[in-house]
Each structure stands twice: as C-alpha cells, then as structure tokens.
C-alpha cells in the first residue's frame, strides 16, 4: 500500500444499468424476487459502489498482490432506477487506519440521488487471503 492512499482520495465511475442488473436477476432462483419490479437492485448497487472504490484505490496498491475486501456497508437506496439509466457513483476516502479504509459514497441516476452513505474496506495480501480461504474450505471437507 502506497503512502498516496490517504484521506481526500476520490473516484467516480459511471455505469449504464442493463436489464440483467434488476431485482428479478439478483437471485433468479427466488420466486419472491421474480415478482419484484425491474429496477436496479440494491445488491448490484452495493457491488457498483465496491467496484468504484476498488478503481479509486488500485493505483495506490501493489495490484494484484494487494487488493481490498469490503467489510461494512452503511447505505441508503432511496430512488428506483430503470434499466438504461446511467448511474454515476462518487467515492471519497474519509479515513485510513492502517489497512482499514472508510469511504463516503453517493450515486445519482441523472434524475435522482439514489444512494448515500459509507463503505469500509480492508487492504489484504491476496495470496495470504486466498490461502486462508482455501484452508477454511478444506477443513469443512
């Protein structure tokens, strides 16, 4: 992790919502989701926010040996976004405590502010993280 990864770092990303990122596609095996409106799913919005944070951080990490994982999500999702709309996500690093990072985040769909909140990430050593996960899977059998 480079010293340049400091509070104030910001990033933006714009993504056009395709039909396969709507609520019925979140868990296709769930009949409850199948009955829901075809609007941008909160689960996919969280992923888009994570992606934007990763893009903002990547130049400041020894990628791909250093990566980051999400550890906390505190978001509101206050407006529906139909497919075809471009969602612009803005992130700004608020705090850095060692490897723990806290971002302020917001997303807008060109009509409404659809999301505000915070997202925390933790910088990891990818090889160590993957080895630990493999051990956990092997112990389960």
Foldseek 3Di string as FASTA:
>chain_A
DAPVPFFFQKWKDKDFAAQCQFQCNPDVVDVVSVPDDSWHDPVVVVVVQVVRVQVSCVVRDPPPQKGKDWDDDDKAFADTHHGGFMKMKMWTWHDDDPQKTKIWIWIDRVPGGGMTDMTIMGMDRVVVVVVVVVVVVVVVD
